[in-house]
């Protein structure tokens, strides 16, 4: 009798499924080229660049430095394990001034302030709930009063702190959470950090003056990028989309991944108001010499924050960033650049990351074919 376990069987090969990413090879190349330029100029500790479509959350490029060759991941002498993590998802930092969109958008949404509302920026302390609280420094501000519009254009720390105090602890925390801080973005990639956003009952007496300027909170570059995308997407937070579809060898589509809106954070009107203010950051404010483009209106926010070294804020080590979108009136691209500890230059989000944003934007708009929205000068 035949013994079944000795029977030979022939199993025909069968193709697996194909995965099509949202990553665009050319846009990814543009981001990686810009990282090479930044590394050559500033020899930073790390760089992360993210480019996405605000309406869908589709990530067209995500690039990091240091990087490694995936074919030699096992060669930890040449490519240390620290270089193999996805820094845009895993590394956290205090976002600094890029966070200022949160208290300002929240205060406008709640009807607490208007764009023309003025604040005293010459005060070193203010009274809050019966206590006298010190305000953060505004070394670069030379005027005594600024309206809400100019607080974000000139990136006033004292003005932003006072806006946050008007908004109040719980509202400030709720809006920060709504913008995506303190929670994972929900992307499909592993190893994502949640960042740190302390609940109100864990705040100390100064948190209400420091959180509105992006201190006492930590976030990943992707969280900062998603928060800016809320403004670009008219107030709606989208889940980052990395995979477009899965299909077989014959082209049959097995799964298509659709854009996933997570929640409405602010109204369309508030988002448009903040976008207009962020546009003037580039035209008139802290990024005017660096991120401004001739053919496109750009909206965005610079960030320059001191790193915490040995438990103290360092005077010599900084993380600089710029997060913005274009065209400002009808956004099609959101671009975020984060550079950790650039060397040989005075740290500035505008000076270092602004030109990187502009270089990427010019290359992407030419490649994608985005229609210019600026009137040419007469």
Protein backbone atom coordinates (compact mmCIF):
# COMPACT_ATOMS: atom_id res chain seq x y z
CA UNK A 1 0.00 0.00 0.00
CA UNK A 2 1.04 3.57 -0.68
CA UNK A 3 2.02 5.55 2.41
CA UNK A 4 0.61 9.09 2.05
CA UNK A 5 3.48 10.74 3.93
CA UNK A 6 5.90 9.60 1.23
CA UNK A 7 3.80 10.87 -1.65
CA UNK A 8 5.44 13.63 -3.69
CA UNK A 9 3.35 16.73 -4.20
CA UNK A 10 3.98 19.59 -6.53
CA UNK A 11 2.77 22.99 -5.29
CA UNK A 12 2.59 25.57 -8.03
CA UNK A 13 4.12 28.97 -7.21
CA UNK A 14 1.71 31.82 -6.55
CA UNK A 15 2.59 35.48 -6.64
CA UNK A 16 2.14 37.55 -3.52
CA UNK A 17 0.38 40.90 -3.45
CA UNK A 18 1.86 44.27 -4.38
CA UNK A 19 1.72 47.36 -2.18
CA UNK A 20 1.55 50.82 -3.73
CA UNK A 21 2.63 53.59 -1.37
CA UNK A 22 1.57 57.23 -1.33
CA UNK A 23 5.28 58.06 -1.34
CA UNK A 24 6.21 59.71 -4.64
CA UNK A 25 9.69 58.68 -5.77
CA UNK A 26 10.52 62.12 -7.20
CA UNK A 27 9.21 64.06 -4.20
CA UNK A 28 11.14 61.70 -1.90
CA UNK A 29 14.27 62.38 -3.97
CA UNK A 30 13.72 66.14 -3.63
CA UNK A 31 13.49 65.82 0.16
CA UNK A 32 16.61 63.65 0.37
CA UNK A 33 18.58 66.06 -1.81
CA UNK A 34 17.65 68.94 0.48
CA UNK A 35 18.76 66.92 3.50
CA UNK A 36 22.16 66.43 1.82
CA UNK A 37 22.43 70.21 1.38
CA UNK A 38 21.52 70.88 5.02
CA UNK A 39 24.00 68.28 6.28
CA UNK A 40 26.75 69.75 4.13
CA UNK A 41 26.09 73.28 5.43
CA UNK A 42 25.37 72.73 9.11
CA UNK A 43 26.53 69.20 10.07
CA UNK A 44 23.45 68.72 12.31
CA UNK A 45 22.79 65.85 14.67
CA UNK A 46 19.67 64.90 12.68
CA UNK A 47 17.20 66.15 10.07
CA UNK A 48 13.61 65.14 9.29
CA UNK A 49 11.51 66.32 6.33
CA UNK A 50 7.84 65.45 5.71
CA UNK A 51 5.75 66.39 2.66
CA UNK A 52 2.05 65.57 2.36
CA UNK A 53 -1.26 66.53 0.76
CA UNK A 54 -3.43 68.29 3.35
CA UNK A 55 -6.81 67.28 1.90
CA UNK A 56 -6.12 63.53 2.07
CA UNK A 57 -3.22 63.21 4.53
CA UNK A 58 -1.26 61.28 1.86
CA UNK A 59 2.46 61.39 2.71
CA UNK A 60 4.42 61.99 -0.49
CA UNK A 61 7.84 62.01 1.16
CA UNK A 62 9.36 61.23 4.54
CA UNK A 63 13.14 61.47 4.86
CA UNK A 64 15.57 61.37 7.77
CA UNK A 65 19.25 61.86 8.50
CA UNK A 66 21.26 59.92 9.61
CA UNK A 67 20.06 57.11 7.37
CA UNK A 68 21.24 53.60 6.46
CA UNK A 69 21.25 51.02 3.69
CA UNK A 70 18.36 48.58 4.27
CA UNK A 71 20.38 45.88 2.48
CA UNK A 72 22.99 46.09 5.25
CA UNK A 73 20.83 46.67 8.31
CA UNK A 74 22.76 43.94 10.11
CA UNK A 75 26.04 45.88 9.79
CA UNK A 76 25.67 47.84 13.02
CA UNK A 77 29.29 49.05 12.85
CA UNK A 78 28.63 50.87 9.60
CA UNK A 79 24.97 51.64 10.39
CA UNK A 80 24.36 51.86 14.17
CA UNK A 81 20.90 50.90 15.38
CA UNK A 82 20.32 54.56 16.35
CA UNK A 83 20.49 55.44 12.65
CA UNK A 84 17.87 52.85 11.74
CA UNK A 85 14.95 54.39 13.60
CA UNK A 86 12.43 56.58 11.80
CA UNK A 87 13.22 59.86 13.56
CA UNK A 88 10.18 61.63 12.14
CA UNK A 89 8.02 59.22 14.17
CA UNK A 90 10.19 58.29 17.14
CA UNK A 91 12.18 61.38 18.20
CA UNK A 92 10.44 64.03 20.30
CA UNK A 93 11.35 67.66 20.90
CA UNK A 94 9.76 70.82 22.27
CA UNK A 95 8.10 72.31 19.17
CA UNK A 96 8.57 75.91 20.28
CA UNK A 97 6.90 78.60 18.19
CA UNK A 98 5.31 76.21 15.68
CA UNK A 99 2.96 75.32 18.57
CA UNK A 100 1.65 78.91 18.78
CA UNK A 101 -1.04 78.14 16.21
CA UNK A 102 -2.79 76.06 18.91
CA UNK A 103 -3.60 78.76 21.53
CA UNK A 104 -4.22 81.41 18.88
CA UNK A 105 -6.58 79.22 16.82
CA UNK A 106 -8.30 78.07 20.01
CA UNK A 107 -8.81 81.61 21.30
CA UNK A 108 -10.25 82.75 17.95
CA UNK A 109 -12.51 79.69 17.76
CA UNK A 110 -13.85 80.32 21.27
CA UNK A 111 -14.54 83.98 20.45
CA UNK A 112 -12.22 85.12 23.24
CA UNK A 113 -10.05 87.35 21.04
CA UNK A 114 -10.15 88.95 17.63
CA UNK A 115 -7.31 89.59 15.19
CA UNK A 116 -7.13 93.27 16.16
CA UNK A 117 -7.07 92.54 19.93
CA UNK A 118 -3.93 94.14 21.46
CA UNK A 119 -1.63 92.75 24.16
CA UNK A 120 1.13 94.40 26.19
CA UNK A 121 4.45 92.82 25.21
CA UNK A 122 6.55 95.00 27.52
CA UNK A 123 5.32 93.26 30.69
CA UNK A 124 7.63 90.82 32.45
CA UNK A 125 4.80 89.42 34.61
CA UNK A 126 1.01 89.47 34.82
CA UNK A 127 -1.62 88.60 37.41
CA UNK A 128 -3.46 85.34 36.77
CA UNK A 129 -6.09 83.92 39.13
CA UNK A 130 -4.71 85.93 42.02
CA UNK A 131 -1.08 84.98 41.36
CA UNK A 132 1.71 87.00 39.79
CA UNK A 133 3.24 84.90 36.98
CA UNK A 134 6.45 85.69 35.11
CA UNK A 135 6.16 85.84 31.33
CA UNK A 136 8.72 84.34 28.93
CA UNK A 137 11.30 86.60 27.29
CA UNK A 138 10.74 88.52 24.08
CA UNK A 139 14.29 89.61 23.28
CA UNK A 140 13.58 90.30 19.62
CA UNK A 141 10.40 92.35 20.12
CA UNK A 142 11.04 96.10 20.18
CA UNK A 143 7.48 97.41 20.63
CA UNK A 144 5.31 97.63 23.75
CA UNK A 145 2.03 96.43 22.26
CA UNK A 146 1.08 93.93 19.56
CA UNK A 147 -2.27 92.85 18.21
CA UNK A 148 -3.08 89.15 17.77
CA UNK A 149 -2.10 89.23 14.11
CA UNK A 150 1.36 90.60 14.85
CA UNK A 151 1.87 88.28 17.82
CA UNK A 152 2.09 85.36 15.41
CA UNK A 153 3.79 87.36 12.62
CA UNK A 154 6.58 88.52 14.94
CA UNK A 155 6.40 85.33 17.06
CA UNK A 156 5.90 87.09 20.40
CA UNK A 157 6.33 84.78 23.38
CA UNK A 158 4.73 87.17 25.85
CA UNK A 159 1.76 87.81 23.59
CA UNK A 160 1.22 84.08 22.97
CA UNK A 161 1.44 83.37 26.72
CA UNK A 162 -1.26 85.95 27.42
CA UNK A 163 -3.49 84.44 24.71
CA UNK A 164 -3.06 81.05 26.36
CA UNK A 165 -3.98 82.49 29.75
CA UNK A 166 -7.17 83.99 28.30
CA UNK A 167 -8.00 80.60 26.81
CA UNK A 168 -7.46 78.90 30.19
CA UNK A 169 -5.81 75.67 31.27
CA UNK A 170 -8.47 73.17 30.29
CA UNK A 171 -9.29 74.79 26.95
CA UNK A 172 -5.60 75.03 26.09
CA UNK A 173 -5.09 71.37 26.91
CA UNK A 174 -8.21 70.35 24.97
CA UNK A 175 -7.16 72.23 21.83
CA UNK A 176 -3.62 70.84 22.04
CA UNK A 177 -5.13 67.35 22.19
CA UNK A 178 -7.51 68.13 19.35
CA UNK A 179 -4.57 69.26 17.16
CA UNK A 180 -2.98 65.85 17.80
CA UNK A 181 -0.42 66.55 20.52
CA UNK A 182 0.04 63.89 23.17
CA UNK A 183 -1.45 61.08 21.04
CA UNK A 184 -0.20 58.93 18.18
CA UNK A 185 -1.17 60.08 14.68
CA UNK A 186 -2.53 56.64 13.80
CA UNK A 187 -0.17 55.98 10.90
CA UNK A 188 0.58 52.38 9.91
CA UNK A 189 4.30 52.57 10.68
CA UNK A 190 5.59 51.04 13.90
CA UNK A 191 7.63 52.69 16.63
CA UNK A 192 5.66 55.94 16.77
CA UNK A 193 6.00 58.01 19.96
CA UNK A 194 3.04 59.69 21.62
CA UNK A 195 5.05 62.72 22.74
CA UNK A 196 4.29 64.36 26.08
CA UNK A 197 1.30 66.55 26.91
CA UNK A 198 0.68 66.58 30.65
CA UNK A 199 -2.94 66.65 31.91
CA UNK A 200 -3.92 69.89 33.63
CA UNK A 201 -3.76 68.42 37.13
CA UNK A 202 -0.04 67.75 36.59
CA UNK A 203 0.81 71.32 35.53
CA UNK A 204 2.98 73.55 37.68
CA UNK A 205 2.22 77.24 38.17
CA UNK A 206 4.21 78.34 35.09
CA UNK A 207 2.86 75.81 32.57
CA UNK A 208 0.01 78.13 31.53
CA UNK A 209 2.62 80.70 30.41
CA UNK A 210 5.03 78.21 28.82
CA UNK A 211 2.79 75.74 27.01
CA UNK A 212 1.40 78.44 24.63
CA UNK A 213 4.94 79.03 23.31
CA UNK A 214 5.63 75.34 22.74
CA UNK A 215 7.50 74.56 25.96
CA UNK A 216 6.38 71.97 28.57
CA UNK A 217 5.23 69.81 25.64
CA UNK A 218 7.12 67.43 23.37
CA UNK A 219 6.13 66.13 19.96
CA UNK A 220 7.43 64.20 16.98
CA UNK A 221 8.05 65.98 13.65
CA UNK A 222 5.02 64.09 12.28
CA UNK A 223 2.77 65.48 15.06
CA UNK A 224 3.96 69.03 14.32
CA UNK A 225 3.33 68.39 10.63
CA UNK A 226 -0.20 67.05 11.25
CA UNK A 227 -1.05 70.04 13.48
CA UNK A 228 -0.04 72.47 10.72
CA UNK A 229 -2.04 70.36 8.25
CA UNK A 230 -5.17 71.15 10.28
CA UNK A 231 -4.84 74.81 9.26
CA UNK A 232 -4.07 73.83 5.65
CA UNK A 233 -7.09 71.49 5.54
CA UNK A 234 -9.56 74.15 6.71
CA UNK A 235 -9.77 72.87 10.28
CA UNK A 236 -9.93 69.07 9.83
CA UNK A 237 -7.27 66.70 11.23
CA UNK A 238 -6.45 63.82 8.86
CA UNK A 239 -4.79 60.52 9.66
CA UNK A 240 -1.45 60.23 7.80
CA UNK A 241 -1.89 57.99 4.76
CA UNK A 242 1.16 55.96 3.67
CA UNK A 243 -0.40 53.10 1.66
CA UNK A 244 -2.59 53.84 -1.36
CA UNK A 245 -3.65 50.34 -2.44
CA UNK A 246 -2.86 46.61 -2.48
CA UNK A 247 -3.22 44.73 -5.79
CA UNK A 248 -2.31 41.36 -7.31
CA UNK A 249 -0.07 40.47 -10.26
CA UNK A 250 -2.95 40.83 -12.73
CA UNK A 251 -3.72 44.34 -11.54
CA UNK A 252 -6.82 43.41 -9.57
CA UNK A 253 -7.23 45.81 -6.67
CA UNK A 254 -7.61 43.89 -3.41
CA UNK A 255 -7.73 46.86 -1.02
CA UNK A 256 -7.77 50.62 -1.54
CA UNK A 257 -7.05 52.85 1.44
CA UNK A 258 -9.22 55.96 1.59
CA UNK A 259 -8.41 59.24 3.36
CA UNK A 260 -9.50 59.13 7.01
CA UNK A 261 -10.53 62.37 8.69
CA UNK A 262 -10.11 62.05 12.47
CA UNK A 263 -12.07 65.12 13.63
CA UNK A 264 -12.86 68.74 12.99
CA UNK A 265 -10.58 70.77 15.26
CA UNK A 266 -11.61 74.34 14.35
CA UNK A 267 -14.08 75.92 11.97
CA UNK A 268 -13.22 76.69 8.36
CA UNK A 269 -13.44 80.42 9.12
CA UNK A 270 -10.97 80.16 12.00
CA UNK A 271 -8.58 78.09 9.88
CA UNK A 272 -8.71 80.68 7.09
CA UNK A 273 -8.06 83.48 9.59
CA UNK A 274 -5.02 81.70 11.03
CA UNK A 275 -3.79 80.83 7.52
CA UNK A 276 -3.92 84.52 6.60
CA UNK A 277 -1.83 85.35 9.66
CA UNK A 278 0.66 82.58 8.84
CA UNK A 279 0.92 83.94 5.31
CA UNK A 280 2.13 87.24 6.74
CA UNK A 281 4.75 85.34 8.78
CA UNK A 282 6.34 84.56 5.42
CA UNK A 283 5.58 87.88 3.71
CA UNK A 284 6.40 90.22 6.60
CA UNK A 285 7.53 88.23 9.64
CA UNK A 286 10.17 85.82 10.89
CA UNK A 287 10.44 83.89 7.58
CA UNK A 288 10.19 86.83 5.14
CA UNK A 289 13.78 86.62 3.88
CA UNK A 290 13.87 82.84 3.67
CA UNK A 291 10.63 81.02 2.77
CA UNK A 292 8.95 83.67 0.62
CA UNK A 293 8.29 82.59 -2.99
CA UNK A 294 7.79 84.72 -6.09
CA UNK A 295 4.94 82.76 -7.70
CA UNK A 296 3.14 81.25 -4.69
CA UNK A 297 1.71 82.54 -1.45
CA UNK A 298 3.20 80.58 1.44
CA UNK A 299 1.83 80.24 4.99
CA UNK A 300 3.90 78.81 7.80
CA UNK A 301 5.54 79.18 11.17
CA UNK A 302 9.16 79.12 12.28
CA UNK A 303 10.34 77.41 15.45
CA UNK A 304 13.59 77.80 17.40
CA UNK A 305 13.83 75.99 20.70
CA UNK A 306 16.65 75.33 23.15
CA UNK A 307 17.48 71.69 23.75
CA UNK A 308 17.34 70.31 27.26
CA UNK A 309 20.85 69.08 28.13
CA UNK A 310 21.56 67.61 31.59
CA UNK A 311 18.18 68.85 32.83
CA UNK A 312 18.69 72.47 31.72
CA UNK A 313 17.96 74.52 28.63
CA UNK A 314 21.18 74.77 26.62
CA UNK A 315 22.38 78.12 25.29
CA UNK A 316 24.41 76.44 22.53
CA UNK A 317 22.21 73.56 21.31
CA UNK A 318 18.91 74.18 19.51
CA UNK A 319 16.31 72.43 17.40
CA UNK A 320 15.06 74.62 14.57
CA UNK A 321 12.03 74.04 12.36
CA UNK A 322 9.67 75.43 9.78
CA UNK A 323 6.25 74.00 9.02
CA UNK A 324 4.10 75.53 6.31
CA UNK A 325 1.90 75.05 3.27
CA UNK A 326 1.22 76.43 -0.20
CA UNK A 327 -0.58 77.94 -1.99
CA UNK A 328 -1.86 79.67 1.12
CA UNK A 329 -5.36 80.29 -0.25
CA UNK A 330 -5.91 76.73 -1.54
CA UNK A 331 -3.24 74.48 0.00
CA UNK A 332 -1.94 71.52 -1.99
CA UNK A 333 1.28 70.73 -0.11
CA UNK A 334 2.31 70.79 3.55
CA UNK A 335 6.07 70.72 4.19
CA UNK A 336 7.82 70.40 7.54
CA UNK A 337 11.58 70.65 8.10
CA UNK A 338 13.17 69.90 11.49
CA UNK A 339 16.93 70.26 12.09
CA UNK A 340 18.52 69.14 15.36
CA UNK A 341 21.58 71.05 16.57
CA UNK A 342 22.86 72.83 13.43
CA UNK A 343 26.48 73.89 13.85
CA UNK A 344 28.52 76.87 12.74
CA UNK A 345 25.63 79.34 12.58
CA UNK A 346 23.26 81.20 14.89
CA UNK A 347 20.29 78.87 15.31
CA UNK A 348 17.13 80.17 13.64
CA UNK A 349 14.15 78.31 12.27
CA UNK A 350 13.68 80.96 9.61
CA UNK A 351 17.30 81.19 8.50
CA UNK A 352 18.03 77.44 8.41
CA UNK A 353 14.70 75.73 7.65
CA UNK A 354 13.03 78.54 5.67
CA UNK A 355 15.35 78.19 2.63
CA UNK A 356 15.01 74.39 2.84
CA UNK A 357 11.22 74.74 2.69
CA UNK A 358 11.53 77.10 -0.29
CA UNK A 359 13.89 74.80 -2.20
CA UNK A 360 11.59 71.84 -1.69
CA UNK A 361 8.49 73.84 -2.58
CA UNK A 362 9.99 75.20 -5.80
CA UNK A 363 11.05 71.74 -6.96
CA UNK A 364 7.73 70.11 -6.00
CA UNK A 365 5.51 72.74 -7.58
CA UNK A 366 7.43 72.42 -10.86
CA UNK A 367 7.24 68.61 -10.77
CA UNK A 368 3.58 68.33 -9.71
CA UNK A 369 2.40 71.27 -11.79
CA UNK A 370 0.73 73.40 -9.12
CA UNK A 371 -0.80 76.57 -10.51
CA UNK A 372 0.83 79.79 -9.32
CA UNK A 373 -1.47 82.04 -7.23
CA UNK A 374 0.60 85.22 -6.96
CA UNK A 375 0.14 88.09 -9.34
CA UNK A 376 3.43 88.87 -11.11
CA UNK A 377 4.85 92.31 -10.24
CA UNK A 378 3.95 94.97 -12.77
